[in-house]
Amino acid sequence: MTSLVDISITVNRRPYLLSLPTNRIVADLLREDLLLTGCKIGCDQGVCGACTVLVDDLPVTACTTFAFELDGNSVTTIEGLSEDGQLHPVQRAFLDHSAFQCGFCTPGMILSVKALLDHHRDPDDLTIRQWLGANICRCTGYQMIIEAVRAAARAGAG
């Protein structure tokens, strides 16, 4: 029998008090308990980046992080990035520059880009590639993604 742990967490600007099994990972908390399915599980080993969410504005792999580790923290998922029905500038740039194809990696990629632009307002290509090194896309070839990042930076995203 798995023991339970109580946590206080904010997800997409909404506070939660939850009692969870100690082995509950963040991806399952988001997808199964909170019904936020934008967080995708690709490799289930923290390698592909599809499950990336922001914890206190930094990228974290949700498939390898236990939910109890986030007690007292704030989580942003792709569902929480837009506000008042308006896409975030990074989301808009990905759309405008066709920086996705199948879309499976896109939520994690967009959240990683948001964190990048929060820390580097005008990143060069090397910095962009380094920040996105933890996100694997098997469809786009990355050039359109880099163009989207540049456009989001010009738009003042972050």
N, C-alpha and C. Protein backbone atom coordinates (compact mmCIF):
# COMPACT_ATOMS: atom_id res chain seq x y z
N MET A 1 0.83 -1.18 0.00
CA MET A 1 0.00 0.00 0.00
C MET A 1 0.88 1.25 0.00
N THR A 2 0.59 2.16 -0.89
CA THR A 2 1.34 3.41 -1.00
C THR A 2 0.78 4.43 -0.02
N SER A 3 1.68 5.10 0.68
CA SER A 3 1.22 6.12 1.61
C SER A 3 0.89 7.41 0.86
N LEU A 4 0.11 8.26 1.52
CA LEU A 4 -0.31 9.53 0.93
C LEU A 4 0.46 10.68 1.54
N VAL A 5 0.60 11.73 0.75
CA VAL A 5 1.25 12.95 1.20
C VAL A 5 0.35 14.12 0.80
N ASP A 6 0.24 15.10 1.67
CA ASP A 6 -0.54 16.29 1.37
C ASP A 6 0.37 17.36 0.79
N ILE A 7 -0.08 17.99 -0.29
CA ILE A 7 0.70 19.07 -0.88
C ILE A 7 -0.20 20.26 -1.18
N SER A 8 0.44 21.40 -1.19
CA SER A 8 -0.20 22.65 -1.61
C SER A 8 0.54 23.09 -2.85
N ILE A 9 -0.18 23.27 -3.93
CA ILE A 9 0.45 23.58 -5.21
C ILE A 9 -0.45 24.54 -5.99
N THR A 10 0.16 25.41 -6.75
CA THR A 10 -0.59 26.29 -7.64
C THR A 10 -0.33 25.82 -9.07
N VAL A 11 -1.40 25.55 -9.80
CA VAL A 11 -1.28 25.13 -11.19
C VAL A 11 -2.07 26.11 -12.05
N ASN A 12 -1.36 26.75 -12.95
CA ASN A 12 -1.98 27.73 -13.86
C ASN A 12 -2.77 28.78 -13.09
N ARG A 13 -2.13 29.31 -12.07
CA ARG A 13 -2.66 30.40 -11.23
C ARG A 13 -3.83 29.97 -10.35
N ARG A 14 -4.06 28.67 -10.23
CA ARG A 14 -5.15 28.16 -9.39
C ARG A 14 -4.56 27.31 -8.26
N PRO A 15 -4.86 27.65 -7.00
CA PRO A 15 -4.31 26.89 -5.87
C PRO A 15 -5.04 25.56 -5.65
N TYR A 16 -4.28 24.54 -5.25
CA TYR A 16 -4.84 23.23 -4.94
C TYR A 16 -4.23 22.72 -3.64
N LEU A 17 -5.05 22.07 -2.83
CA LEU A 17 -4.60 21.28 -1.68
C LEU A 17 -4.95 19.84 -2.03
N LEU A 18 -3.92 19.00 -2.17
CA LEU A 18 -4.14 17.64 -2.66
C LEU A 18 -3.52 16.61 -1.73
N SER A 19 -4.12 15.46 -1.68
CA SER A 19 -3.57 14.31 -0.96
C SER A 19 -3.28 13.25 -2.02
N LEU A 20 -2.00 12.95 -2.19
CA LEU A 20 -1.56 12.10 -3.30
C LEU A 20 -0.69 10.95 -2.83
N PRO A 21 -0.66 9.87 -3.59
CA PRO A 21 0.31 8.81 -3.29
C PRO A 21 1.73 9.36 -3.44
N THR A 22 2.63 8.89 -2.61
CA THR A 22 4.01 9.40 -2.65
C THR A 22 4.70 9.10 -3.97
N ASN A 23 4.23 8.10 -4.70
CA ASN A 23 4.87 7.76 -5.98
C ASN A 23 4.20 8.42 -7.18
N ARG A 24 3.30 9.36 -6.97
CA ARG A 24 2.59 10.04 -8.06
C ARG A 24 3.55 11.00 -8.75
N ILE A 25 3.70 10.87 -10.06
CA ILE A 25 4.55 11.81 -10.79
C ILE A 25 3.72 13.00 -11.27
N VAL A 26 4.40 14.09 -11.55
CA VAL A 26 3.72 15.32 -11.94
C VAL A 26 2.88 15.12 -13.20
N ALA A 27 3.40 14.39 -14.17
CA ALA A 27 2.64 14.17 -15.41
C ALA A 27 1.29 13.51 -15.13
N ASP A 28 1.28 12.52 -14.24
CA ASP A 28 0.03 11.85 -13.91
C ASP A 28 -0.89 12.75 -13.10
N LEU A 29 -0.33 13.53 -12.21
CA LEU A 29 -1.12 14.51 -11.46
C LEU A 29 -1.84 15.44 -12.43
N LEU A 30 -1.09 15.98 -13.38
CA LEU A 30 -1.68 16.94 -14.33
C LEU A 30 -2.70 16.26 -15.24
N ARG A 31 -2.32 15.15 -15.83
CA ARG A 31 -3.17 14.52 -16.83
C ARG A 31 -4.38 13.81 -16.22
N GLU A 32 -4.17 13.07 -15.14
CA GLU A 32 -5.25 12.23 -14.59
C GLU A 32 -6.06 12.92 -13.51
N ASP A 33 -5.39 13.64 -12.62
CA ASP A 33 -6.11 14.26 -11.51
C ASP A 33 -6.70 15.62 -11.88
N LEU A 34 -5.94 16.42 -12.62
CA LEU A 34 -6.39 17.77 -12.95
C LEU A 34 -6.93 17.89 -14.38
N LEU A 35 -6.86 16.81 -15.15
CA LEU A 35 -7.36 16.74 -16.53
C LEU A 35 -6.74 17.78 -17.45
N LEU A 36 -5.46 18.06 -17.23
CA LEU A 36 -4.68 18.95 -18.09
C LEU A 36 -3.81 18.07 -18.98
N THR A 37 -4.30 17.79 -20.17
CA THR A 37 -3.66 16.79 -21.02
C THR A 37 -2.62 17.35 -21.99
N GLY A 38 -2.30 18.63 -21.87
CA GLY A 38 -1.28 19.22 -22.73
C GLY A 38 0.10 18.66 -22.45
N CYS A 39 0.36 18.23 -21.25
CA CYS A 39 1.62 17.59 -20.86
C CYS A 39 1.62 16.18 -21.44
N LYS A 40 2.50 15.93 -22.38
CA LYS A 40 2.56 14.63 -23.05
C LYS A 40 3.68 13.78 -22.46
N ILE A 41 3.46 12.48 -22.42
CA ILE A 41 4.52 11.57 -21.99
C ILE A 41 5.04 10.87 -23.23
N GLY A 42 6.30 11.16 -23.57
CA GLY A 42 6.91 10.57 -24.75
C GLY A 42 7.79 9.40 -24.39
N CYS A 43 8.91 9.68 -23.77
CA CYS A 43 9.88 8.63 -23.47
C CYS A 43 9.71 8.05 -22.08
N ASP A 44 9.05 8.78 -21.19
CA ASP A 44 8.85 8.37 -19.79
C ASP A 44 10.18 8.23 -19.04
N GLN A 45 11.22 8.92 -19.53
CA GLN A 45 12.54 8.86 -18.90
C GLN A 45 13.19 10.23 -18.78
N GLY A 46 12.46 11.29 -19.07
CA GLY A 46 13.01 12.64 -18.96
C GLY A 46 14.00 13.00 -20.04
N VAL A 47 13.93 12.36 -21.18
CA VAL A 47 14.89 12.58 -22.26
C VAL A 47 14.32 13.40 -23.41
N CYS A 48 13.04 13.24 -23.73
CA CYS A 48 12.50 13.84 -24.95
C CYS A 48 11.94 15.25 -24.78
N GLY A 49 11.54 15.63 -23.56
CA GLY A 49 11.03 16.97 -23.30
C GLY A 49 9.56 17.18 -23.59
N ALA A 50 8.86 16.16 -24.07
CA ALA A 50 7.44 16.33 -24.38
C ALA A 50 6.62 16.65 -23.13
N CYS A 51 7.09 16.22 -21.97
CA CYS A 51 6.35 16.42 -20.72
C CYS A 51 6.76 17.70 -19.99
N THR A 52 7.57 18.53 -20.61
CA THR A 52 8.08 19.73 -19.94
C THR A 52 6.96 20.65 -19.48
N VAL A 53 7.04 21.06 -18.22
CA VAL A 53 6.18 22.08 -17.65
C VAL A 53 7.11 23.08 -16.96
N LEU A 54 6.56 24.21 -16.56
CA LEU A 54 7.36 25.19 -15.84
C LEU A 54 7.03 25.11 -14.35
N VAL A 55 8.05 24.99 -13.54
CA VAL A 55 7.91 25.02 -12.09
C VAL A 55 8.65 26.25 -11.61
N ASP A 56 7.89 27.18 -11.06
CA ASP A 56 8.45 28.48 -10.68
C ASP A 56 9.25 29.07 -11.85
N ASP A 57 8.66 28.96 -13.04
CA ASP A 57 9.16 29.55 -14.29
C ASP A 57 10.39 28.86 -14.88
N LEU A 58 10.75 27.68 -14.39
CA LEU A 58 11.87 26.93 -14.95
C LEU A 58 11.37 25.59 -15.50
N PRO A 59 11.95 25.13 -16.63
CA PRO A 59 11.50 23.87 -17.23
C PRO A 59 11.84 22.66 -16.35
N VAL A 60 10.87 21.76 -16.22
CA VAL A 60 11.02 20.54 -15.45
C VAL A 60 10.35 19.41 -16.22
N THR A 61 10.97 18.23 -16.21
CA THR A 61 10.34 17.07 -16.85
C THR A 61 9.32 16.46 -15.89
N ALA A 62 8.08 16.49 -16.31
CA ALA A 62 6.98 16.03 -15.45
C ALA A 62 6.92 14.52 -15.33
N CYS A 63 7.59 13.79 -16.22
CA CYS A 63 7.53 12.33 -16.16
C CYS A 63 8.53 11.75 -15.17
N THR A 64 9.48 12.56 -14.70
CA THR A 64 10.48 12.05 -13.76
C THR A 64 10.50 12.81 -12.44
N THR A 65 9.52 13.67 -12.23
CA THR A 65 9.45 14.47 -11.01
C THR A 65 8.24 14.01 -10.19
N PHE A 66 8.49 13.71 -8.92
CA PHE A 66 7.38 13.32 -8.05
C PHE A 66 6.57 14.55 -7.68
N ALA A 67 5.27 14.39 -7.62
CA ALA A 67 4.37 15.51 -7.31
C ALA A 67 4.68 16.11 -5.95
N PHE A 68 5.03 15.30 -4.97
CA PHE A 68 5.30 15.84 -3.63
C PHE A 68 6.48 16.80 -3.61
N GLU A 69 7.39 16.69 -4.61
CA GLU A 69 8.53 17.59 -4.70
C GLU A 69 8.11 19.03 -5.01
N LEU A 70 6.89 19.20 -5.50
CA LEU A 70 6.42 20.52 -5.90
C LEU A 70 5.59 21.21 -4.83
N ASP A 71 5.54 20.63 -3.64
CA ASP A 71 4.79 21.24 -2.54
C ASP A 71 5.24 22.69 -2.34
N GLY A 72 4.28 23.60 -2.40
CA GLY A 72 4.57 25.02 -2.21
C GLY A 72 5.01 25.75 -3.47
N ASN A 73 5.07 25.05 -4.59
CA ASN A 73 5.54 25.65 -5.83
C ASN A 73 4.38 25.98 -6.77
N SER A 74 4.73 26.70 -7.83
CA SER A 74 3.79 27.10 -8.86
C SER A 74 4.15 26.40 -10.17
N VAL A 75 3.15 25.79 -10.81
CA VAL A 75 3.34 25.06 -12.07
C VAL A 75 2.55 25.77 -13.17
N THR A 76 3.19 25.89 -14.32
CA THR A 76 2.50 26.39 -15.51
C THR A 76 2.55 25.31 -16.57
N THR A 77 1.38 24.98 -17.10
CA THR A 77 1.28 24.04 -18.21
C THR A 77 0.91 24.83 -19.47
N ILE A 78 0.88 24.16 -20.58
CA ILE A 78 0.52 24.83 -21.83
C ILE A 78 -0.88 25.42 -21.74
N GLU A 79 -1.78 24.78 -20.98
CA GLU A 79 -3.13 25.29 -20.83
C GLU A 79 -3.16 26.61 -20.08
N GLY A 80 -2.17 26.87 -19.25
CA GLY A 80 -2.14 28.08 -18.44
C GLY A 80 -1.34 29.21 -19.03
N LEU A 81 -0.78 29.00 -20.22
CA LEU A 81 0.08 30.02 -20.82
C LEU A 81 -0.73 31.17 -21.41
N SER A 82 -1.82 30.85 -22.06
CA SER A 82 -2.66 31.91 -22.63
C SER A 82 -3.47 32.56 -21.51
N GLU A 83 -3.88 33.80 -21.74
CA GLU A 83 -4.69 34.51 -20.76
C GLU A 83 -5.85 35.21 -21.46
N ASP A 84 -7.01 35.13 -20.86
CA ASP A 84 -8.20 35.78 -21.38
C ASP A 84 -8.47 35.42 -22.84
N GLY A 85 -8.20 34.17 -23.19
CA GLY A 85 -8.46 33.71 -24.55
C GLY A 85 -7.43 34.14 -25.58
N GLN A 86 -6.38 34.82 -25.14
CA GLN A 86 -5.34 35.30 -26.06
C GLN A 86 -4.11 34.40 -25.96
N LEU A 87 -3.62 33.95 -27.10
CA LEU A 87 -2.41 33.15 -27.09
C LEU A 87 -1.23 33.95 -26.55
N HIS A 88 -0.35 33.27 -25.85
CA HIS A 88 0.90 33.88 -25.41
C HIS A 88 1.73 34.16 -26.68
N PRO A 89 2.59 35.18 -26.68
CA PRO A 89 3.39 35.47 -27.87
C PRO A 89 4.22 34.29 -28.38
N VAL A 90 4.67 33.41 -27.51
CA VAL A 90 5.41 32.24 -27.97
C VAL A 90 4.47 31.29 -28.71
N GLN A 91 3.28 31.09 -28.18
CA GLN A 91 2.29 30.26 -28.87
C GLN A 91 1.95 30.86 -30.23
N ARG A 92 1.74 32.16 -30.28
CA ARG A 92 1.42 32.85 -31.52
C ARG A 92 2.56 32.69 -32.53
N ALA A 93 3.80 32.83 -32.07
CA ALA A 93 4.96 32.71 -32.97
C ALA A 93 5.06 31.29 -33.53
N PHE A 94 4.82 30.28 -32.70
CA PHE A 94 4.85 28.90 -33.20
C PHE A 94 3.79 28.70 -34.26
N LEU A 95 2.63 29.25 -34.05
CA LEU A 95 1.54 29.14 -35.01
C LEU A 95 1.89 29.89 -36.30
N ASP A 96 2.32 31.13 -36.17
CA ASP A 96 2.63 31.96 -37.34
C ASP A 96 3.78 31.43 -38.18
N HIS A 97 4.72 30.71 -37.54
CA HIS A 97 5.90 30.22 -38.26
C HIS A 97 5.86 28.72 -38.53
N SER A 98 4.68 28.13 -38.36
CA SER A 98 4.49 26.69 -38.61
C SER A 98 5.59 25.87 -37.93
N ALA A 99 5.84 26.18 -36.66
CA ALA A 99 6.94 25.56 -35.92
C ALA A 99 6.53 24.25 -35.27
N PHE A 100 5.57 23.58 -35.85
CA PHE A 100 5.14 22.27 -35.36
C PHE A 100 4.52 21.52 -36.51
N GLN A 101 4.51 20.22 -36.40
CA GLN A 101 3.79 19.41 -37.38
C GLN A 101 2.80 18.52 -36.66
N CYS A 102 3.27 17.46 -36.03
CA CYS A 102 2.31 16.58 -35.35
C CYS A 102 1.81 17.20 -34.06
N GLY A 103 2.59 18.08 -33.45
CA GLY A 103 2.17 18.78 -32.24
C GLY A 103 2.46 18.08 -30.94
N PHE A 104 2.97 16.86 -30.97
CA PHE A 104 3.19 16.11 -29.74
C PHE A 104 4.21 16.78 -28.83
N CYS A 105 5.29 17.26 -29.39
CA CYS A 105 6.35 17.90 -28.58
C CYS A 105 6.07 19.38 -28.34
N THR A 106 5.12 19.94 -29.04
CA THR A 106 4.92 21.39 -29.05
C THR A 106 4.65 22.00 -27.68
N PRO A 107 3.80 21.44 -26.82
CA PRO A 107 3.59 22.07 -25.52
C PRO A 107 4.88 22.20 -24.71
N GLY A 108 5.65 21.13 -24.64
CA GLY A 108 6.91 21.19 -23.91
C GLY A 108 7.91 22.15 -24.53
N MET A 109 7.93 22.17 -25.86
CA MET A 109 8.83 23.07 -26.57
C MET A 109 8.45 24.53 -26.29
N ILE A 110 7.18 24.86 -26.38
CA ILE A 110 6.72 26.23 -26.14
C ILE A 110 7.05 26.67 -24.71
N LEU A 111 6.85 25.79 -23.75
CA LEU A 111 7.15 26.15 -22.36
C LEU A 111 8.65 26.35 -22.15
N SER A 112 9.47 25.54 -22.81
CA SER A 112 10.92 25.73 -22.73
C SER A 112 11.32 27.07 -23.35
N VAL A 113 10.70 27.42 -24.46
CA VAL A 113 10.98 28.71 -25.11
C VAL A 113 10.56 29.87 -24.22
N LYS A 114 9.43 29.75 -23.56
CA LYS A 114 9.01 30.81 -22.65
C LYS A 114 10.04 31.02 -21.55
N ALA A 115 10.53 29.92 -20.97
CA ALA A 115 11.56 30.02 -19.93
C ALA A 115 12.83 30.65 -20.49
N LEU A 116 13.22 30.25 -21.69
CA LEU A 116 14.39 30.83 -22.35
C LEU A 116 14.24 32.34 -22.46
N LEU A 117 13.10 32.79 -22.99
CA LEU A 117 12.90 34.22 -23.22
C LEU A 117 12.71 34.99 -21.92
N ASP A 118 12.31 34.32 -20.85
CA ASP A 118 12.27 34.96 -19.53
C ASP A 118 13.67 35.28 -19.03
N HIS A 119 14.65 34.48 -19.47
CA HIS A 119 16.03 34.64 -19.00
C HIS A 119 16.94 35.33 -20.01
N HIS A 120 16.60 35.25 -21.28
CA HIS A 120 17.41 35.85 -22.35
C HIS A 120 16.47 36.54 -23.33
N ARG A 121 16.38 37.84 -23.27
CA ARG A 121 15.41 38.59 -24.09
C ARG A 121 15.70 38.49 -25.59
N ASP A 122 16.99 38.38 -25.96
CA ASP A 122 17.37 38.34 -27.37
C ASP A 122 18.43 37.26 -27.57
N PRO A 123 18.04 35.99 -27.47
CA PRO A 123 19.03 34.91 -27.55
C PRO A 123 19.57 34.72 -28.97
N ASP A 124 20.85 34.37 -29.05
CA ASP A 124 21.42 34.02 -30.35
C ASP A 124 21.08 32.56 -30.65
N ASP A 125 21.41 32.11 -31.86
CA ASP A 125 21.04 30.76 -32.28
C ASP A 125 21.65 29.69 -31.37
N LEU A 126 22.88 29.87 -30.93
CA LEU A 126 23.52 28.90 -30.06
C LEU A 126 22.77 28.78 -28.74
N THR A 127 22.39 29.90 -28.17
CA THR A 127 21.65 29.89 -26.90
C THR A 127 20.29 29.22 -27.09
N ILE A 128 19.62 29.52 -28.19
CA ILE A 128 18.33 28.88 -28.48
C ILE A 128 18.52 27.37 -28.56
N ARG A 129 19.51 26.93 -29.30
CA ARG A 129 19.75 25.49 -29.46
C ARG A 129 20.11 24.82 -28.13
N GLN A 130 20.89 25.52 -27.31
CA GLN A 130 21.24 24.96 -26.00
C GLN A 130 20.01 24.80 -25.12
N TRP A 131 19.15 25.82 -25.08
CA TRP A 131 17.95 25.76 -24.24
C TRP A 131 16.97 24.70 -24.74
N LEU A 132 16.95 24.47 -26.04
CA LEU A 132 16.02 23.49 -26.59
C LEU A 132 16.65 22.10 -26.74
N GLY A 133 17.87 21.94 -26.24
CA GLY A 133 18.55 20.65 -26.33
C GLY A 133 17.84 19.53 -25.60
N ALA A 134 17.00 19.86 -24.65
CA ALA A 134 16.26 18.85 -23.89
C ALA A 134 14.90 18.53 -24.52
N ASN A 135 14.58 19.16 -25.64
CA ASN A 135 13.30 18.94 -26.31
C ASN A 135 13.55 18.34 -27.69
N ILE A 136 13.04 17.15 -27.90
CA ILE A 136 13.23 16.47 -29.18
C ILE A 136 11.98 16.61 -30.03
N CYS A 137 12.19 17.06 -31.27
CA CYS A 137 11.11 17.10 -32.25
C CYS A 137 11.53 16.20 -33.41
N ARG A 138 10.69 15.27 -33.75
CA ARG A 138 11.03 14.33 -34.82
C ARG A 138 10.43 14.74 -36.16
N CYS A 139 9.74 15.89 -36.19
CA CYS A 139 9.03 16.27 -37.41
C CYS A 139 9.58 17.49 -38.13
N THR A 140 9.93 18.55 -37.40
CA THR A 140 10.10 19.85 -38.05
C THR A 140 11.48 20.15 -38.60
N GLY A 141 12.52 19.56 -38.07
CA GLY A 141 13.85 19.93 -38.52
C GLY A 141 14.39 21.16 -37.81
N TYR A 142 13.66 21.73 -36.90
CA TYR A 142 14.07 22.79 -35.98
C TYR A 142 14.19 24.19 -36.57
N GLN A 143 14.39 24.36 -37.86
CA GLN A 143 14.59 25.70 -38.41
C GLN A 143 13.38 26.59 -38.16
N MET A 144 12.18 26.06 -38.35
CA MET A 144 10.97 26.86 -38.12
C MET A 144 10.80 27.16 -36.63
N ILE A 145 11.26 26.27 -35.79
CA ILE A 145 11.21 26.51 -34.34
C ILE A 145 12.12 27.67 -33.98
N ILE A 146 13.33 27.68 -34.52
CA ILE A 146 14.28 28.76 -34.24
C ILE A 146 13.72 30.09 -34.76
N GLU A 147 13.10 30.07 -35.94
CA GLU A 147 12.48 31.29 -36.46
C GLU A 147 11.34 31.76 -35.55
N ALA A 148 10.58 30.83 -35.00
CA ALA A 148 9.50 31.18 -34.07
C ALA A 148 10.07 31.81 -32.79
N VAL A 149 11.16 31.26 -32.30
CA VAL A 149 11.79 31.81 -31.09
C VAL A 149 12.25 33.24 -31.36
N ARG A 150 12.89 33.45 -32.51
CA ARG A 150 13.34 34.82 -32.85
C ARG A 150 12.15 35.76 -32.93
N ALA A 151 11.07 35.33 -33.56
CA ALA A 151 9.87 36.18 -33.69
C ALA A 151 9.27 36.48 -32.32
N ALA A 152 9.21 35.49 -31.46
CA ALA A 152 8.68 35.70 -30.11
C ALA A 152 9.56 36.68 -29.33
N ALA A 153 10.87 36.57 -29.51
CA ALA A 153 11.78 37.51 -28.84
C ALA A 153 11.54 38.94 -29.34
N ARG A 154 11.38 39.09 -30.66
CA ARG A 154 11.09 40.41 -31.22
C ARG A 154 9.77 40.97 -30.71
N ALA A 155 8.82 40.07 -30.44
CA ALA A 155 7.50 40.49 -29.93
C ALA A 155 7.52 40.77 -28.44
N GLY A 156 8.67 40.58 -27.81
CA GLY A 156 8.79 40.86 -26.38
C GLY A 156 8.24 39.77 -25.50
N ALA A 157 8.20 38.54 -26.01
CA ALA A 157 7.72 37.41 -25.20
C ALA A 157 8.65 37.19 -24.02
N GLY A 158 8.10 36.52 -23.05
CA GLY A 158 8.89 36.18 -21.86
C GLY A 158 8.25 36.73 -20.64
